[in-house]
Structure formats: C-alpha cells, structure tokens
Protein backbone atom coordinates (compact mmCIF):
# COMPACT_ATOMS: atom_id res chain seq x y z
CA MET A 1 8.36 -35.47 16.31
CA ARG A 2 10.76 -34.66 13.54
CA VAL A 3 12.89 -37.21 12.21
CA LEU A 4 16.42 -37.48 9.68
CA HIS A 5 16.85 -40.18 8.03
CA VAL A 6 20.50 -40.66 6.48
CA TYR A 7 21.57 -42.49 3.44
CA SER A 8 22.97 -42.93 0.43
CA GLY A 9 20.62 -42.99 -2.02
CA ASN A 10 22.62 -44.02 -5.14
CA LEU A 11 20.70 -47.52 -6.02
CA TYR A 12 17.75 -49.28 -5.40
CA GLY A 13 16.94 -52.13 -3.82
CA GLY A 14 15.20 -53.38 -0.50
CA ILE A 15 16.50 -50.48 1.92
CA GLU A 16 15.13 -47.85 -0.53
CA SER A 17 11.94 -49.69 -0.94
CA PHE A 18 11.66 -49.44 2.77
CA LEU A 19 12.36 -45.67 2.91
CA VAL A 20 9.87 -44.97 0.15
CA SER A 21 6.92 -47.05 2.20
CA LEU A 22 7.80 -45.57 5.02
CA ALA A 23 7.87 -41.75 3.67
CA ARG A 24 4.46 -42.51 2.17
CA GLU A 25 2.45 -44.45 5.39
CA SER A 26 3.57 -41.76 7.63
CA ALA A 27 2.39 -39.16 5.66
CA ARG A 28 -1.35 -40.96 5.68
CA ALA A 29 -1.07 -41.59 9.91
CA PRO A 30 -1.94 -38.34 11.46
CA GLY A 31 -0.54 -37.21 14.38
CA GLY A 32 2.72 -39.43 14.23
CA SER A 33 6.42 -38.44 13.61
CA VAL A 34 7.39 -36.41 10.61
CA HIS A 35 9.79 -38.26 8.71
CA GLU A 36 13.10 -36.60 6.66
CA TYR A 37 15.25 -37.71 4.53
CA ALA A 38 18.95 -36.74 3.93
CA LEU A 39 20.84 -38.64 0.82
CA CYS A 40 24.16 -38.43 -0.85
CA PHE A 41 22.96 -38.71 -4.20
CA GLU A 42 20.10 -38.05 -6.68
CA GLY A 43 18.24 -40.78 -8.33
CA ARG A 44 15.10 -43.03 -8.03
CA LEU A 45 14.99 -42.90 -4.39
CA ALA A 46 15.18 -39.39 -3.74
CA ASP A 47 12.07 -38.87 -6.72
CA GLU A 48 9.75 -41.17 -5.27
CA LEU A 49 10.29 -39.90 -1.67
CA ARG A 50 9.67 -36.76 -3.07
CA ASP A 51 6.86 -37.88 -5.01
CA ALA A 52 5.70 -39.38 -1.25
CA GLY A 53 5.16 -35.90 -0.30
CA ALA A 54 8.69 -36.14 1.92
CA ALA A 55 11.21 -33.35 2.55
CA VAL A 56 14.60 -34.50 0.86
CA HIS A 57 17.65 -32.84 1.66
CA VAL A 58 20.81 -33.48 -0.58
CA LEU A 59 24.12 -33.58 1.32
CA GLY A 60 26.32 -34.30 -2.03
CA ALA A 61 28.02 -36.93 -3.66
CA ALA A 62 30.20 -38.34 -0.85
CA ARG A 63 33.00 -41.18 -1.69
CA VAL A 64 35.62 -42.38 0.39
CA GLY A 65 37.96 -42.26 -2.31
CA ARG A 66 37.46 -38.26 -2.76
CA PRO A 67 37.95 -37.20 0.96
CA TRP A 68 36.84 -33.50 0.17
CA THR A 69 33.51 -34.97 -0.79
CA VAL A 70 33.19 -36.50 2.28
CA TRP A 71 34.15 -33.52 4.25
CA SER A 72 31.57 -31.51 2.40
CA ALA A 73 29.06 -33.81 3.09
CA ARG A 74 29.44 -33.58 6.61
CA ARG A 75 29.37 -29.89 6.63
CA ALA A 76 25.83 -30.18 4.91
CA LEU A 77 24.90 -32.64 7.27
CA ARG A 78 25.89 -30.16 10.17
CA SER A 79 24.34 -27.22 8.97
CA LEU A 80 21.12 -28.92 8.04
CA LEU A 81 20.92 -30.34 12.09
CA ASN A 82 21.86 -27.04 13.63
CA ARG A 83 18.84 -25.52 12.01
CA GLY A 84 16.54 -28.31 11.54
CA GLY A 85 15.27 -29.12 14.74
CA TYR A 86 15.55 -32.79 14.96
CA ALA A 87 14.58 -34.69 17.89
CA ALA A 88 16.60 -37.98 16.57
CA VAL A 89 18.77 -39.01 13.27
CA VAL A 90 18.25 -42.58 12.16
CA CYS A 91 21.82 -43.95 9.66
CA HIS A 92 20.52 -46.90 7.26
CA ALA A 93 23.37 -49.06 6.82
CA ALA A 94 26.98 -48.77 7.93
CA TRP A 95 28.25 -46.77 5.26
CA PRO A 96 25.93 -43.33 6.43
CA GLN A 97 26.79 -44.52 10.38
CA ALA A 98 30.45 -44.55 9.56
CA LEU A 99 30.35 -40.93 7.47
CA PHE A 100 27.51 -38.99 9.16
CA GLY A 101 27.49 -40.92 12.67
CA PRO A 102 30.41 -38.74 14.41
CA VAL A 103 28.53 -35.32 12.79
CA VAL A 104 25.31 -36.64 14.46
CA ARG A 105 26.88 -36.92 17.73
CA ALA A 106 28.82 -33.81 17.61
CA VAL A 107 25.86 -31.94 17.30
CA GLY A 108 24.13 -33.87 20.16
CA VAL A 109 21.31 -34.74 18.44
CA PRO A 110 20.28 -38.86 19.41
CA LEU A 111 21.61 -41.40 17.31
CA VAL A 112 20.10 -44.44 16.19
CA PHE A 113 21.53 -46.98 13.47
CA TYR A 114 18.82 -49.50 11.58
CA GLN A 115 20.63 -52.59 10.82
CA HIS A 116 19.53 -53.84 7.75
CA ASP A 117 22.34 -56.06 7.18
CA VAL A 118 24.48 -58.83 8.92
CA LEU A 119 27.36 -57.44 10.03
CA SER A 120 30.68 -59.51 10.00
CA GLY A 121 32.88 -56.90 11.66
CA ALA A 122 35.79 -57.73 8.91
CA HIS A 123 34.67 -55.18 6.51
CA TRP A 124 36.36 -51.94 6.77
CA VAL A 125 33.12 -49.81 6.74
CA GLU A 126 31.77 -51.70 9.46
CA ARG A 127 35.07 -51.35 11.79
CA TRP A 128 34.22 -47.45 10.73
CA ALA A 129 30.83 -47.63 12.12
CA GLY A 130 31.68 -49.27 15.04
CA VAL A 131 33.56 -46.42 16.12
CA THR A 132 30.86 -44.13 16.84
CA ALA A 133 28.57 -46.16 19.12
CA PRO A 134 24.39 -45.06 18.46
CA ASP A 135 22.28 -44.90 21.42
CA LEU A 136 19.99 -47.54 20.21
CA VAL A 137 20.05 -50.32 16.90
CA LEU A 138 17.07 -51.01 15.62
CA SER A 139 17.06 -54.71 13.67
CA ASN A 140 15.38 -55.50 10.78
CA SER A 141 15.25 -59.23 11.88
CA HIS A 142 16.42 -61.11 14.80
CA PHE A 143 18.79 -63.00 12.54
CA THR A 144 20.72 -59.66 11.81
CA ALA A 145 20.52 -58.72 15.64
CA ARG A 146 22.74 -61.91 16.51
CA SER A 147 25.16 -60.04 14.60
CA LEU A 148 25.23 -57.19 16.45
CA GLU A 149 27.77 -57.78 19.30
CA ARG A 150 30.83 -58.08 16.60
CA ILE A 151 30.03 -53.94 16.30
CA TYR A 152 28.13 -52.76 18.81
CA PRO A 153 28.52 -55.32 21.49
CA ARG A 154 26.81 -52.72 24.80
CA VAL A 155 24.07 -50.85 22.55
CA PRO A 156 20.87 -52.06 23.17
CA TYR A 157 18.84 -53.29 20.29
CA ARG A 158 15.11 -54.05 18.95
CA VAL A 159 14.13 -55.80 16.40
CA ARG A 160 11.76 -53.84 14.08
CA HIS A 161 10.56 -56.15 11.04
CA PRO A 162 10.09 -53.67 8.43
CA LEU A 163 6.69 -52.02 6.89
CA VAL A 164 5.54 -53.46 3.97
CA PRO A 165 2.18 -51.80 3.01
CA ALA A 166 -0.61 -53.96 1.26
CA ALA A 167 -0.51 -53.46 -2.45
CA ALA A 168 -3.09 -51.20 -3.71
CA GLU A 169 -3.64 -52.19 -7.12
CA VAL A 170 -5.66 -55.35 -7.83
CA LEU A 171 -5.42 -56.68 -10.96
CA SER A 172 -8.90 -57.49 -12.97
CA ALA A 173 -8.45 -60.78 -14.95
CA PRO A 174 -8.12 -59.13 -18.00
CA GLU A 175 -5.67 -57.09 -17.23
CA ARG A 176 -3.90 -59.88 -15.72
CA ALA A 177 -4.13 -62.50 -18.87
CA SER A 178 -2.97 -58.81 -20.81
CA LEU A 179 -0.05 -58.63 -18.47
CA ARG A 180 0.63 -61.83 -18.45
CA ALA A 181 0.56 -62.35 -22.50
CA GLU A 182 2.39 -59.37 -23.24
CA LEU A 183 5.75 -61.36 -21.00
CA GLY A 184 4.58 -64.43 -23.02
CA ALA A 185 2.91 -66.69 -20.34
CA GLY A 186 0.06 -68.70 -22.04
CA GLU A 187 -2.99 -69.46 -20.59
CA GLY A 188 -2.97 -72.27 -17.79
CA GLU A 189 0.85 -71.91 -17.46
CA VAL A 190 2.71 -71.24 -14.36
CA VAL A 191 4.88 -68.05 -13.92
CA VAL A 192 7.46 -68.44 -11.25
CA LEU A 193 8.68 -65.00 -10.46
CA GLN A 194 12.11 -64.01 -9.44
CA ALA A 195 12.17 -60.25 -8.06
CA CYS A 196 15.46 -58.95 -6.77
CA ARG A 197 18.73 -57.13 -7.11
CA MET A 198 20.58 -58.71 -9.82
CA GLU A 199 23.24 -60.37 -7.20
CA GLU A 200 24.84 -63.65 -7.08
CA TRP A 201 23.48 -64.73 -3.36
CA LYS A 202 19.94 -63.98 -4.58
CA GLY A 203 20.09 -67.68 -5.93
CA HIS A 204 19.50 -66.91 -9.75
CA ARG A 205 21.77 -69.19 -11.23
CA LEU A 206 20.57 -72.24 -8.37
CA LEU A 207 16.97 -71.72 -10.07
CA LEU A 208 18.09 -71.75 -12.98
CA GLU A 209 19.79 -75.19 -12.32
CA ALA A 210 16.85 -76.56 -10.65
CA LEU A 211 14.35 -75.29 -13.51
CA GLY A 212 17.00 -77.34 -16.10
CA ARG A 213 16.03 -80.46 -13.72
CA MET A 214 12.48 -79.43 -14.91
CA ARG A 215 13.20 -78.79 -18.34
CA GLU A 216 10.36 -82.15 -19.65
CA ALA A 217 7.92 -80.79 -17.63
CA ARG A 218 5.48 -78.46 -19.42
CA GLY A 219 3.61 -75.86 -18.55
CA TRP A 220 5.66 -73.13 -16.39
CA ARG A 221 7.69 -69.85 -17.25
CA LEU A 222 10.17 -67.88 -15.64
CA TRP A 223 10.23 -63.99 -14.91
CA VAL A 224 13.32 -62.82 -13.71
CA ALA A 225 12.84 -58.91 -12.67
CA GLY A 226 15.68 -56.84 -11.70
CA GLY A 227 18.63 -55.03 -13.57
CA ALA A 228 21.92 -54.49 -13.46
CA GLN A 229 23.03 -51.28 -11.53
CA ARG A 230 26.76 -52.24 -11.32
CA GLU A 231 29.65 -53.00 -13.46
CA ALA A 232 29.77 -56.57 -11.44
CA GLU A 233 26.07 -57.28 -11.81
CA ALA A 234 25.94 -56.23 -15.66
CA ARG A 235 28.63 -59.35 -15.99
CA TYR A 236 26.25 -61.73 -13.68
CA GLU A 237 23.54 -60.83 -15.64
CA GLU A 238 24.94 -61.83 -18.78
CA GLY A 239 26.15 -65.14 -17.26
CA LEU A 240 22.96 -65.75 -16.29
CA ARG A 241 21.37 -65.13 -19.88
CA ALA A 242 24.32 -67.81 -21.11
CA GLN A 243 23.13 -70.24 -18.68
CA ALA A 244 19.50 -70.01 -20.00
CA ARG A 245 20.72 -70.39 -23.49
CA ALA A 246 22.57 -73.24 -22.74
CA LEU A 247 19.52 -75.19 -20.55
CA GLY A 248 17.31 -74.10 -23.96
CA PHE A 249 15.55 -72.41 -22.24
CA GLU A 250 14.54 -69.28 -25.02
CA GLY A 251 11.02 -68.34 -24.87
CA ARG A 252 10.44 -69.70 -21.72
CA VAL A 253 12.76 -67.27 -19.59
CA ARG A 254 12.29 -63.56 -19.69
CA PHE A 255 14.58 -61.21 -18.02
CA LEU A 256 12.45 -58.00 -17.63
CA GLY A 257 15.09 -55.57 -16.14
CA GLN A 258 14.59 -52.70 -14.06
CA ARG A 259 11.28 -52.48 -13.06
CA SER A 260 8.84 -49.92 -11.27
CA ASP A 261 5.78 -52.45 -11.42
CA VAL A 262 6.67 -55.31 -9.37
CA PRO A 263 3.46 -55.34 -7.33
CA ARG A 264 1.77 -55.98 -10.97
CA LEU A 265 3.78 -58.65 -11.78
CA MET A 266 3.33 -60.45 -8.52
CA ARG A 267 -0.44 -60.13 -9.22
CA ALA A 268 0.28 -61.97 -12.40
CA ALA A 269 2.60 -64.39 -11.22
CA ASP A 270 2.08 -67.70 -9.90
CA VAL A 271 4.58 -68.66 -7.45
CA HIS A 272 7.51 -66.64 -6.05
CA CYS A 273 11.16 -67.75 -6.17
CA GLN A 274 13.98 -66.61 -4.89
CA PRO A 275 16.77 -69.50 -3.46
CA ASN A 276 19.09 -67.67 -1.72
CA THR A 277 22.46 -69.03 -1.76
CA SER A 278 23.59 -66.73 1.02
CA ALA A 279 22.05 -65.88 4.37
CA GLU A 280 19.27 -62.93 3.57
CA PRO A 281 19.23 -60.59 6.31
CA PHE A 282 15.23 -59.97 6.14
CA GLY A 283 13.74 -60.35 2.60
CA LEU A 284 10.81 -57.54 1.76
CA ALA A 285 10.02 -59.45 -1.46
CA PHE A 286 9.27 -62.35 0.29
CA VAL A 287 6.46 -60.37 2.28
CA GLU A 288 5.33 -58.40 -0.68
CA ALA A 289 5.00 -61.76 -2.46
CA LEU A 290 2.68 -63.13 0.10
CA GLN A 291 0.64 -59.77 0.53
CA ALA A 292 0.15 -60.59 -3.56
CA GLY A 293 -1.36 -63.92 -2.59
CA LEU A 294 2.10 -66.16 -3.87
CA PRO A 295 2.96 -69.09 -2.89
CA VAL A 296 6.78 -68.76 -1.63
CA VAL A 297 9.88 -70.92 -1.93
CA THR A 298 13.35 -70.16 -0.70
CA THR A 299 16.07 -71.49 1.18
CA VAL A 300 16.21 -72.17 4.39
CA LEU A 301 18.82 -69.39 5.04
CA GLY A 302 18.63 -66.44 7.28
CA GLY A 303 15.55 -63.93 7.76
CA PRO A 304 12.84 -66.00 5.70
CA LEU A 305 12.96 -68.30 8.39
CA GLU A 306 10.87 -65.47 10.63
CA ILE A 307 8.64 -65.06 7.06
CA VAL A 308 7.85 -68.01 5.45
CA ASP A 309 6.15 -71.08 7.30
CA ALA A 310 3.95 -74.15 6.15
CA THR A 311 1.02 -71.48 5.92
CA CYS A 312 2.25 -69.69 3.20
CA GLY A 313 5.56 -71.63 1.20
CA GLN A 314 8.19 -74.07 1.51
CA LEU A 315 11.94 -73.69 2.94
CA VAL A 316 13.91 -75.63 1.27
CA ALA A 317 17.86 -76.92 1.25
CA PRO A 318 19.93 -74.49 -0.67
CA GLU A 319 20.73 -77.08 -3.78
CA ALA A 320 19.19 -77.79 -6.88
CA GLY A 321 17.83 -81.04 -6.29
CA ALA A 322 15.20 -79.98 -3.53
CA LEU A 323 14.62 -76.79 -5.14
CA ALA A 324 12.82 -78.55 -8.09
CA THR A 325 11.30 -80.95 -6.37
CA ALA A 326 9.14 -78.09 -4.18
CA LEU A 327 8.68 -76.07 -7.63
CA LEU A 328 7.66 -79.02 -9.17
CA ARG A 329 5.03 -79.96 -6.56
CA LEU A 330 3.54 -76.14 -7.55
CA VAL A 331 3.78 -76.16 -11.06
CA VAL A 332 1.46 -79.44 -11.25
CA ASP A 333 -0.79 -79.00 -8.07
CA ALA A 334 -3.03 -76.19 -8.77
CA GLU A 335 -4.71 -76.78 -4.82
CA ALA A 336 -1.21 -76.24 -3.24
CA ARG A 337 -0.73 -73.29 -5.05
CA ARG A 338 -4.17 -72.20 -4.07
CA ARG A 339 -3.93 -73.12 -0.48
CA LEU A 340 -0.60 -71.92 -0.04
CA GLY A 341 -1.42 -68.26 -1.72
CA ALA A 342 -3.95 -67.64 0.29
CA GLY A 343 -2.05 -68.05 3.55
CA GLY A 344 0.12 -65.05 2.46
CA PRO A 345 -1.66 -62.42 3.12
CA ALA A 346 -2.43 -63.00 7.09
CA ARG A 347 1.15 -64.03 7.34
CA ALA A 348 2.49 -60.70 5.97
CA ALA A 349 0.06 -58.42 7.88
CA ALA A 350 1.39 -60.15 11.17
CA LEU A 351 4.96 -59.25 10.33
CA CYS A 352 4.89 -56.32 8.53
CA SER A 353 1.52 -54.02 9.66
CA PRO A 354 2.70 -50.46 8.40
CA THR A 355 0.49 -49.40 11.93
CA VAL A 356 2.20 -51.78 14.27
CA PHE A 357 5.59 -50.59 12.50
CA LEU A 358 4.77 -47.20 13.27
CA ARG A 359 3.53 -47.17 16.47
CA GLY A 360 6.58 -49.24 17.80
CA LEU A 361 9.14 -47.22 15.90
CA ASP A 362 7.51 -43.80 17.51
CA GLU A 363 7.74 -45.71 20.87
CA ASP A 364 11.71 -46.70 20.02
CA LEU A 365 12.35 -42.89 19.12
CA GLY A 366 10.63 -41.41 22.15
CA ASP A 367 12.49 -43.62 24.38
CA VAL A 368 15.70 -42.75 22.81
CA ILE A 369 14.84 -39.05 23.20
CA SER A 370 14.30 -39.44 26.75
CA GLY A 371 16.85 -41.76 27.51
CA VAL A 372 15.40 -44.77 28.73
CA ALA A 373 16.27 -47.05 25.82
CA SER A 374 17.19 -50.60 26.88
C-alpha cells in the first residue's frame, strides 16, 4: 500500500518531527505501507525525509496570496496522483487540507485528514478546509478530537497518539559531563530544559517568572532550545532575553537556538519543563523527555493531560507560584528526580510505540480504502 503524505514543509516543529519519525520507522518495518511525501517547500524537513530514505515530491512554493502558485502546486499534485498509484492521501493540518483536499477528491483517491491542532472553526484556513470533508480524520489526542465537530461534525475519526521512536543514542558519563560543561552546567547543578518552538504560548515567559521566584536557590540552570523561524518569533525571543537579563540570570540561562541534537540535550539535562499557557494539542517533546528519563513538569492544559501522570512528572496550574514550587522540589530532591525519571520510558512506550502506531495506521488506511471507516 503506497500512501502519500501532503504538507507544507517550510518550518520545523512537532509535525515535522513526527513525519521524519514516520519515515524512519516505516522504513524499518518489513511488509508495511510505503510512505511518500509531497511538500511545497524545500528545507530541513525535505532533507531529513530524504536522509531517512523516503521519496519526497516537491509541489512548488504555494502561497495563498499568490494564487498562481497554488494553481501550479495543485497541478503538480494532480499529475503525481494520476501516475503514482497511491492507495490513500493524508493531509497534515488545515492548510494542506484546504489547498489540496479538492485535488485528491477530484482524482478519486481516499482522503485522510491528520489533525495535529485544535480546530476553532473561526480561522479562514479552517473554514476553507471544511469545504472538503475527508473520508477519515486521525486525531493526535482525545483533546484535539473534541474540537472536530466545529469543522467535520459528520466525519468518522480515530485517535492515534503519534509515534515517538526511542532515542538510539545514550550518552556515556564522560560525554554527558562534557556536553553539560560546554553549555555552562557545573557538576551537581540541576539543568532544566525547555525544547520547543519559539512561540509565546509555550510558556517561556512563565518559566522565567517562576525561576525568578527561585533566584536565591542555588544549583539550577536553564537551557532554552529552539530558535526563531519567523519575524514575530525573533521579536519574542529578544523579549525573553531581555526578561532574563532583568532577572539577573546572566550565566544561569542559556538560549541555545535551533538545535538538531535535542535527544542529546535531553540526555544531558535533569528536568524537562514546558509550562504551556494555552492548551497543547498533544506534545511530542513531553514524550521524548519521558523516553530520556527526565521528569516532566507542565501545566494542566490540553494534550499533556494524556501524557503526564504521577509516575513520571507533575502537572501544575499555569501560574508562576505553582510552577516555582514544583521546580524547586525537583531541584532540591534528587530522589524525586530519580523516581519520576525512572517512570518515564514505560509511560512513553505505552503511549507512542512505533510498532503499535504503524500497525494501527495500516488498519485505519485499509479501512478507508475498503470503505468501512467508522
């Protein structure tokens, strides 16, 4: 079964990480579906998919403000589908569904919408996507699935937590110490890591405010991994740097920029904290942190409620006092860090096993093709 995944490809975050993991893990799974990818833009995602051995088809840089580019990309997809022999097409997120769903429908290939975000029904892209109903929706969490009725009230859906491969790399003690020293963490200091897109709702400001309440506590460092990819994100990052300076955190907070070695950073850190101030649809970074044996601290909003429990981390209210209390406890209590970290890998495997995901995805796509999705 050949499956084509359609996406934009101009940025890099959770969806992109998921697609790369899908490419790598499906290539290792004998007898499963063949997954190919159609992107509008060249860039890091296209490069990593190719490195994983996947076929990447570039449709062209479609921009809604330049309608001729959309028409050109649609023609490219139509041509690809007419000659490709694909059993199904999966559009990831509302923008590809809006632009390319009608093409898939016109060609007559089964259409699946992979829901990675909460749908409000208010944004023009979502309303546009809603014009073309898919045969099936795959939602990345129960939380996101509850918003489907705003766009697709009569379309069948299934919840598939995304696959997250276990990190292959394990740092030796000398390697871990070397990386920590390189990033300014001394022996015995507790490193808190936040690794995510540079977006305000991810809670960077809240984390800095909470650490400000722990200013007098010794022995902690913060690593912020993730760089600005758009102009608004660059302004936001500069504001975070100013906030850190105002709090007197020179030397204690390191902004690491965009990184391709986040699994290594997680193996070198001690606590993972991403205190979202708005609901996260799911949260791949939380699962990756659990796999790395890090206790996770986040807020009681959205998808992380399906990931983090008392065996592996702590959920707190989205306010600085509660967050500071939770972090301070983990900074001073090595046994709590050890216990919660030890519970992480089993929790991650139960939620996001690649083997279970790929088997379930094949079942879902097979049902769509045979017309029995429900």
